[in-house]
Amino acid sequence: MSADNDNSDSGGHCSTPDSDGEVAEDIAIVAFERKLDTAEEIVDGIGDRYDSIEILEYHGDVFAEHWGEYDCFVGLMASGIAMRKTAGLLDDKWDDPAVVVVDEALTWAIPLTGGHHGANQVADDLASMGAVPAMTTASEAAGKQGVEERAKALDAHVVNGDSTVATNLAVLDENLGPVARLDGPAAVLADDDVTVLKRNGDDGVVLGTGSVSGAKKDQFLDAWEASLEDTDYDLDDVEFVATGTRKEEEEGLLAAAEELGLGVVSFEKETLDEYEGPSPSRSKELIGWPGIAEASAIAGGRDHDLLAEKERYDEAVTVAVGK
């Protein structure tokens, strides 16, 4: 994805480990009695990825009784059963819980409703247990990032949900363009086909990251954790990881971000030039790029502040902390 600052024509790209705009944190597995052992296997396999995961034994009104209590239901049953029992409960895609069905052999994980609101995420997590995530939302089917996914990567949420029909069509047509960042206080007049993203929370940090080519996942994980040791923050406070577009395909970086459930935002050179950090940079001398770690931390931070200057870890990964 692209992320533009409103004072610049440059931008960056976002990638994220899952594909929804609203994260599923509390899920329930609904299973027939004969399938409870499989439900327990699912809990053991992916339960640590959620705030809570519970098993509900199936009966005719189980969905209705617990509707609204969970972000996502995983129906360990035929899709037809889940569809008939939940269809009458659906009201609004922004408020309804997501529904995924999975077969007893864990061959398929099929999001039925709420693909961008938890179902795709859960289906993707079930893929780690061997299930094939059968995602049918348009952007995922086309291999593109919808605006809900872009929101997730930026630790933000969509304010005006009705706009996403138009903007996701623009994503499919490759006509959406970059996400513009507007620093307030400010007022903006927007048409109905403009999706507004608002950042979550108010006290997170951004990890600006550079590296040598081929740096390993564990090197990124260790460096990110070490970079926060002298601050008042830890990995749970990280909004996203920021880097430069020349580093956006680093497999170790993407794997580390996926393990932590973090999005990755990559900024174009022009944006990094605007937010160049205070520390000398060898890359500036050699290839004209400012130091990626500090510049991306400042560009991505809410206040464009540098909380911790860059440090190099294991001669492989450089990290700065922005706020």
Protein backbone atom coordinates (compact mmCIF):
# COMPACT_ATOMS: atom_id res chain seq x y z
CA MET A 1 0.00 0.00 0.00
CA SER A 2 1.05 3.62 -0.28
CA ALA A 3 1.16 6.22 2.47
CA ASP A 4 1.57 9.86 1.51
CA ASN A 5 2.30 12.82 3.73
CA ASP A 6 0.03 15.72 2.85
CA ASN A 7 3.06 17.94 2.25
CA SER A 8 4.68 15.60 -0.24
CA ASP A 9 3.91 13.65 -3.40
CA SER A 10 5.97 10.73 -2.15
CA GLY A 11 4.70 7.81 -0.15
CA GLY A 12 5.23 4.24 0.85
CA HIS A 13 3.67 0.83 0.99
CA CYS A 14 2.05 -1.25 3.70
CA SER A 15 2.06 -4.97 4.20
CA THR A 16 0.37 -6.81 7.00
CA PRO A 17 0.25 -10.37 8.27
CA ASP A 18 -3.48 -10.64 8.03
CA SER A 19 -6.15 -9.17 5.85
CA ASP A 20 -8.78 -7.48 7.93
CA GLY A 21 -9.40 -3.96 9.13
CA GLU A 22 -10.77 -4.96 12.52
CA VAL A 23 -8.85 -7.61 14.42
CA ALA A 24 -10.67 -10.61 15.90
CA GLU A 25 -9.54 -10.82 19.52
CA ASP A 26 -12.27 -12.94 21.16
CA ILE A 27 -13.45 -15.97 19.22
CA ALA A 28 -15.72 -18.94 19.85
CA ILE A 29 -15.52 -22.37 18.25
CA VAL A 30 -18.98 -23.90 17.80
CA ALA A 31 -18.81 -27.69 17.46
CA PHE A 32 -21.00 -30.75 17.70
CA GLU A 33 -20.23 -33.05 20.61
CA ARG A 34 -18.49 -35.57 18.36
CA LYS A 35 -16.16 -32.83 17.10
CA LEU A 36 -15.12 -31.36 20.44
CA ASP A 37 -11.72 -33.06 20.27
CA THR A 38 -11.03 -31.24 17.00
CA ALA A 39 -12.15 -28.00 18.62
CA GLU A 40 -9.59 -28.59 21.38
CA GLU A 41 -6.92 -29.12 18.71
CA ILE A 42 -7.78 -25.73 17.23
CA VAL A 43 -7.49 -24.10 20.65
CA ASP A 44 -4.08 -25.70 21.15
CA GLY A 45 -2.98 -24.71 17.65
CA ILE A 46 -3.98 -21.04 17.44
CA GLY A 47 -5.41 -20.11 20.84
CA ASP A 48 -2.37 -18.08 21.87
CA ARG A 49 -3.05 -15.62 19.02
CA TYR A 50 -6.22 -14.28 20.64
CA ASP A 51 -7.25 -12.59 23.85
CA SER A 52 -9.76 -15.38 24.42
CA ILE A 53 -10.91 -18.50 22.62
CA GLU A 54 -13.81 -20.60 23.89
CA ILE A 55 -15.60 -23.76 22.80
CA LEU A 56 -19.40 -23.81 22.59
CA GLU A 57 -21.23 -27.08 22.06
CA TYR A 58 -23.66 -26.80 19.18
CA HIS A 59 -27.43 -26.61 19.63
CA GLY A 60 -30.03 -24.94 17.47
CA ASP A 61 -29.90 -21.53 19.13
CA VAL A 62 -26.22 -21.36 20.07
CA PHE A 63 -25.38 -18.57 17.61
CA ALA A 64 -28.39 -16.50 18.62
CA GLU A 65 -27.64 -16.92 22.33
CA HIS A 66 -24.06 -15.72 21.98
CA TRP A 67 -24.41 -13.23 19.09
CA GLY A 68 -22.43 -10.11 19.93
CA GLU A 69 -20.29 -11.76 22.61
CA TYR A 70 -17.43 -12.68 20.26
CA ASP A 71 -15.60 -11.03 17.38
CA CYS A 72 -15.68 -14.23 15.35
CA PHE A 73 -17.43 -17.60 15.39
CA VAL A 74 -15.60 -20.63 14.01
CA GLY A 75 -18.23 -23.15 13.00
CA LEU A 76 -16.80 -26.66 13.03
CA MET A 77 -19.62 -27.82 10.79
CA ALA A 78 -21.05 -27.78 7.28
CA SER A 79 -21.28 -24.30 5.81
CA GLY A 80 -25.00 -24.75 5.18
CA ILE A 81 -25.73 -25.17 8.89
CA ALA A 82 -23.79 -22.04 9.84
CA MET A 83 -25.41 -20.06 7.04
CA ARG A 84 -28.97 -21.02 8.01
CA LYS A 85 -28.40 -20.39 11.71
CA THR A 86 -26.73 -16.98 11.32
CA ALA A 87 -28.44 -15.45 8.27
CA GLY A 88 -31.35 -14.09 10.28
CA LEU A 89 -29.00 -12.54 12.84
CA LEU A 90 -27.04 -10.41 10.38
CA ASP A 91 -27.66 -6.68 10.54
CA ASP A 92 -24.60 -4.57 9.70
CA LYS A 93 -21.21 -5.76 8.49
CA TRP A 94 -19.43 -3.24 10.71
CA ASP A 95 -21.13 -4.55 13.85
CA ASP A 96 -21.87 -8.21 13.14
CA PRO A 97 -19.40 -10.85 14.34
CA ALA A 98 -17.45 -12.65 11.64
CA VAL A 99 -18.26 -16.26 10.80
CA VAL A 100 -15.82 -18.89 9.52
CA VAL A 101 -16.54 -22.58 8.91
CA VAL A 102 -13.97 -25.35 8.96
CA ASP A 103 -14.35 -29.07 8.32
CA GLU A 104 -13.40 -31.75 10.83
CA ALA A 105 -10.30 -32.73 8.86
CA LEU A 106 -9.13 -29.10 8.89
CA THR A 107 -8.90 -29.12 5.10
CA TRP A 108 -10.76 -25.88 4.39
CA ALA A 109 -11.32 -22.67 6.35
CA ILE A 110 -14.09 -20.68 4.67
CA PRO A 111 -15.00 -17.12 5.73
CA LEU A 112 -18.77 -16.74 5.32
CA THR A 113 -19.29 -13.22 6.63
CA GLY A 114 -17.04 -10.47 7.96
CA GLY A 115 -14.05 -11.31 5.79
CA HIS A 116 -12.51 -7.89 6.45
CA HIS A 117 -13.63 -7.91 10.07
CA GLY A 118 -11.92 -11.00 11.45
CA ALA A 119 -12.98 -13.93 9.28
CA ASN A 120 -10.06 -13.72 6.84
CA GLN A 121 -7.67 -13.31 9.74
CA VAL A 122 -8.96 -16.43 11.51
CA ALA A 123 -8.99 -18.43 8.28
CA ASP A 124 -5.41 -17.40 7.66
CA ASP A 125 -4.46 -18.47 11.19
CA LEU A 126 -6.12 -21.85 10.59
CA ALA A 127 -3.83 -22.22 7.58
CA SER A 128 -1.00 -22.79 10.06
CA MET A 129 -2.82 -26.02 10.98
CA GLY A 130 -3.05 -27.15 7.36
CA ALA A 131 -6.41 -25.68 6.35
CA VAL A 132 -6.67 -23.88 3.02
CA PRO A 133 -8.15 -20.39 3.60
CA ALA A 134 -10.84 -19.98 0.93
CA MET A 135 -11.10 -16.19 0.89
CA THR A 136 -13.57 -14.66 -1.55
CA THR A 137 -13.43 -10.96 -0.67
CA ALA A 138 -12.59 -9.13 -3.87
CA SER A 139 -9.30 -7.52 -2.86
CA GLU A 140 -7.86 -10.74 -1.41
CA ALA A 141 -9.05 -12.79 -4.39
CA ALA A 142 -7.21 -10.35 -6.65
CA GLY A 143 -4.11 -10.33 -4.44
CA LYS A 144 -4.55 -6.67 -3.54
CA GLN A 145 -4.84 -4.77 -0.25
CA GLY A 146 -8.26 -3.36 0.47
CA VAL A 147 -8.61 -0.22 2.55
CA GLU A 148 -9.52 -2.27 5.63
CA GLU A 149 -6.20 -4.09 5.29
CA ARG A 150 -4.39 -0.80 4.89
CA ALA A 151 -6.05 0.43 8.06
CA LYS A 152 -4.83 -2.67 9.90
CA ALA A 153 -1.25 -2.08 8.74
CA LEU A 154 -1.40 1.47 10.04
CA ASP A 155 -3.02 0.48 13.37
CA ALA A 156 -6.04 2.52 12.35
CA HIS A 157 -9.74 1.98 11.77
CA VAL A 158 -12.20 3.07 9.10
CA VAL A 159 -14.42 5.93 10.28
CA ASN A 160 -16.93 6.00 7.39
CA GLY A 161 -17.57 2.40 6.45
CA ASP A 162 -19.98 3.11 3.58
CA SER A 163 -17.13 4.64 1.59
CA THR A 164 -15.21 1.37 1.32
CA VAL A 165 -17.37 0.04 -1.53
CA ALA A 166 -16.06 2.79 -3.81
CA THR A 167 -12.51 2.83 -2.52
CA ASN A 168 -12.10 -0.95 -2.68
CA LEU A 169 -13.33 -0.87 -6.29
CA ALA A 170 -10.62 1.71 -6.89
CA VAL A 171 -8.11 -0.70 -5.30
CA LEU A 172 -9.16 -3.40 -7.75
CA ASP A 173 -8.77 -0.98 -10.66
CA GLU A 174 -5.43 0.24 -9.25
CA ASN A 175 -6.82 3.78 -9.13
CA LEU A 176 -6.86 4.46 -5.39
CA GLY A 177 -3.43 5.98 -5.04
CA PRO A 178 -1.60 6.59 -1.77
CA VAL A 179 -3.14 7.12 1.64
CA ALA A 180 -2.61 10.78 2.49
CA ARG A 181 -1.52 11.66 6.00
CA LEU A 182 -3.08 14.83 7.38
CA ASP A 183 -1.48 16.31 10.48
CA GLY A 184 -3.94 18.28 12.59
CA PRO A 185 -5.44 20.25 13.97
CA ALA A 186 -7.17 20.52 10.61
CA ALA A 187 -10.54 20.18 8.92
CA VAL A 188 -11.15 18.26 5.73
CA LEU A 189 -14.10 18.26 3.34
CA ALA A 190 -14.48 14.81 1.80
CA ASP A 191 -16.87 13.22 -0.71
CA ASP A 192 -18.70 9.95 -0.06
CA ASP A 193 -16.06 7.96 -1.95
CA VAL A 194 -13.22 9.09 0.35
CA THR A 195 -12.39 6.60 3.12
CA VAL A 196 -11.22 8.20 6.35
CA LEU A 197 -8.84 6.22 8.56
CA LYS A 198 -8.31 7.20 12.17
CA ARG A 199 -5.34 5.89 14.12
CA ASN A 200 -6.11 3.71 17.12
CA GLY A 201 -5.10 4.69 20.63
CA ASP A 202 -2.94 7.69 21.42
CA ASP A 203 0.29 6.48 22.97
CA GLY A 204 1.95 3.98 20.64
CA VAL A 205 5.39 4.01 19.06
CA VAL A 206 6.78 3.17 15.63
CA LEU A 207 9.91 1.09 15.06
CA GLY A 208 11.94 2.54 12.20
CA THR A 209 14.02 -0.30 10.79
CA GLY A 210 16.89 -0.75 8.37
CA SER A 211 19.03 -3.83 7.84
CA VAL A 212 21.68 -5.57 5.82
CA SER A 213 20.30 -7.71 3.03
CA GLY A 214 19.28 -11.16 4.19
CA ALA A 215 18.98 -10.36 7.90
CA LYS A 216 17.11 -13.14 9.70
CA LYS A 217 13.76 -13.03 11.45
CA ASP A 218 15.28 -13.61 14.87
CA GLN A 219 17.72 -10.76 14.33
CA PHE A 220 14.83 -8.38 13.72
CA LEU A 221 12.90 -9.68 16.72
CA ASP A 222 15.88 -9.35 19.04
CA ALA A 223 16.72 -5.87 17.72
CA TRP A 224 13.16 -4.57 18.11
CA GLU A 225 12.92 -5.82 21.67
CA ALA A 226 16.34 -4.40 22.58
CA SER A 227 15.52 -1.01 21.05
CA LEU A 228 12.70 -0.51 23.57
CA GLU A 229 14.62 -1.53 26.69
CA ASP A 230 15.58 2.04 27.64
CA THR A 231 12.12 3.45 26.93
CA ASP A 232 8.82 3.24 28.77
CA TYR A 233 7.41 1.06 25.99
CA ASP A 234 7.44 -2.60 25.00
CA LEU A 235 6.45 -4.56 21.92
CA ASP A 236 2.77 -4.41 22.85
CA ASP A 237 2.94 -0.63 22.41
CA VAL A 238 4.23 -0.78 18.83
CA GLU A 239 1.73 0.51 16.24
CA PHE A 240 3.65 -0.75 13.22
CA VAL A 241 7.14 -1.21 11.79
CA ALA A 242 8.37 1.45 9.35
CA THR A 243 11.11 1.14 6.75
CA GLY A 244 12.10 2.39 3.29
CA THR A 245 10.76 0.98 0.03
CA ARG A 246 14.21 -0.37 -0.79
CA LYS A 247 13.87 -2.69 2.21
CA GLU A 248 10.17 -3.58 1.93
CA GLU A 249 10.81 -7.09 0.53
CA GLU A 250 13.21 -8.22 3.27
CA GLU A 251 11.92 -11.68 4.16
CA GLY A 252 13.29 -11.60 7.69
CA LEU A 253 11.62 -8.29 8.43
CA LEU A 254 8.25 -9.43 7.08
CA ALA A 255 8.45 -12.74 8.94
CA ALA A 256 9.30 -11.01 12.22
CA ALA A 257 6.44 -8.54 11.80
CA GLU A 258 4.05 -11.39 11.03
CA GLU A 259 5.09 -13.25 14.16
CA LEU A 260 4.29 -10.18 16.26
CA GLY A 261 1.11 -9.36 14.37
CA LEU A 262 2.47 -5.99 13.20
CA GLY A 263 1.94 -4.23 9.91
CA VAL A 264 4.88 -2.90 7.90
CA VAL A 265 4.77 0.58 6.34
CA SER A 266 7.46 1.45 3.83
CA PHE A 267 8.15 5.04 2.83
CA GLU A 268 9.49 6.39 -0.44
CA LYS A 269 12.87 8.13 -0.53
CA GLU A 270 11.27 11.58 -0.91
CA THR A 271 9.34 11.18 2.34
CA LEU A 272 12.41 9.94 4.19
CA ASP A 273 14.38 12.94 2.89
CA GLU A 274 11.76 15.20 4.48
CA TYR A 275 12.14 13.49 7.86
CA GLU A 276 15.86 12.77 7.88
CA GLY A 277 17.17 11.95 11.35
CA PRO A 278 20.05 13.55 13.26
CA SER A 279 22.56 10.69 13.07
CA PRO A 280 25.10 10.48 10.24
CA SER A 281 24.21 7.89 7.62
CA ARG A 282 26.60 5.87 5.48
CA SER A 283 23.80 5.22 2.96
CA LYS A 284 23.45 8.99 2.45
CA GLU A 285 27.04 9.12 1.31
CA LEU A 286 26.92 6.00 -0.83
CA ILE A 287 23.50 5.98 -2.49
CA GLY A 288 21.82 9.24 -1.50
CA TRP A 289 19.23 7.70 0.84
CA PRO A 290 18.89 9.13 4.35
CA GLY A 291 19.28 6.73 7.24
CA ILE A 292 16.18 4.53 6.95
CA ALA A 293 15.75 3.70 10.64
CA GLU A 294 15.52 7.26 11.97
CA ALA A 295 13.78 8.81 8.97
CA SER A 296 11.05 6.14 8.83
CA ALA A 297 10.55 6.29 12.61
CA ILE A 298 10.04 10.06 12.44
CA ALA A 299 7.85 9.90 9.32
CA GLY A 300 5.62 7.23 10.84
CA GLY A 301 5.31 8.67 14.34
CA ARG A 302 2.12 10.52 15.24
CA ASP A 303 4.08 13.57 16.36
CA HIS A 304 7.05 13.08 14.00
CA ASP A 305 9.27 12.82 17.09
CA LEU A 306 12.33 10.64 17.53
CA LEU A 307 12.11 8.88 20.88
CA ALA A 308 15.31 6.86 20.53
CA GLU A 309 18.08 7.41 17.99
CA LYS A 310 19.20 4.52 15.83
CA GLU A 311 21.16 1.62 17.25
CA ARG A 312 22.72 -1.24 15.30
CA TYR A 313 22.17 -4.76 16.59
CA ASP A 314 24.11 -7.90 15.71
CA GLU A 315 25.77 -5.98 12.86
CA ALA A 316 22.57 -6.64 10.91
CA VAL A 317 19.53 -4.63 11.99
CA THR A 318 19.31 -0.90 12.76
CA VAL A 319 16.35 0.39 14.79
CA ALA A 320 15.11 3.82 15.86
CA VAL A 321 11.94 4.51 17.83
CA GLY A 322 9.48 7.19 16.72
CA LYS A 323 6.46 8.67 18.43
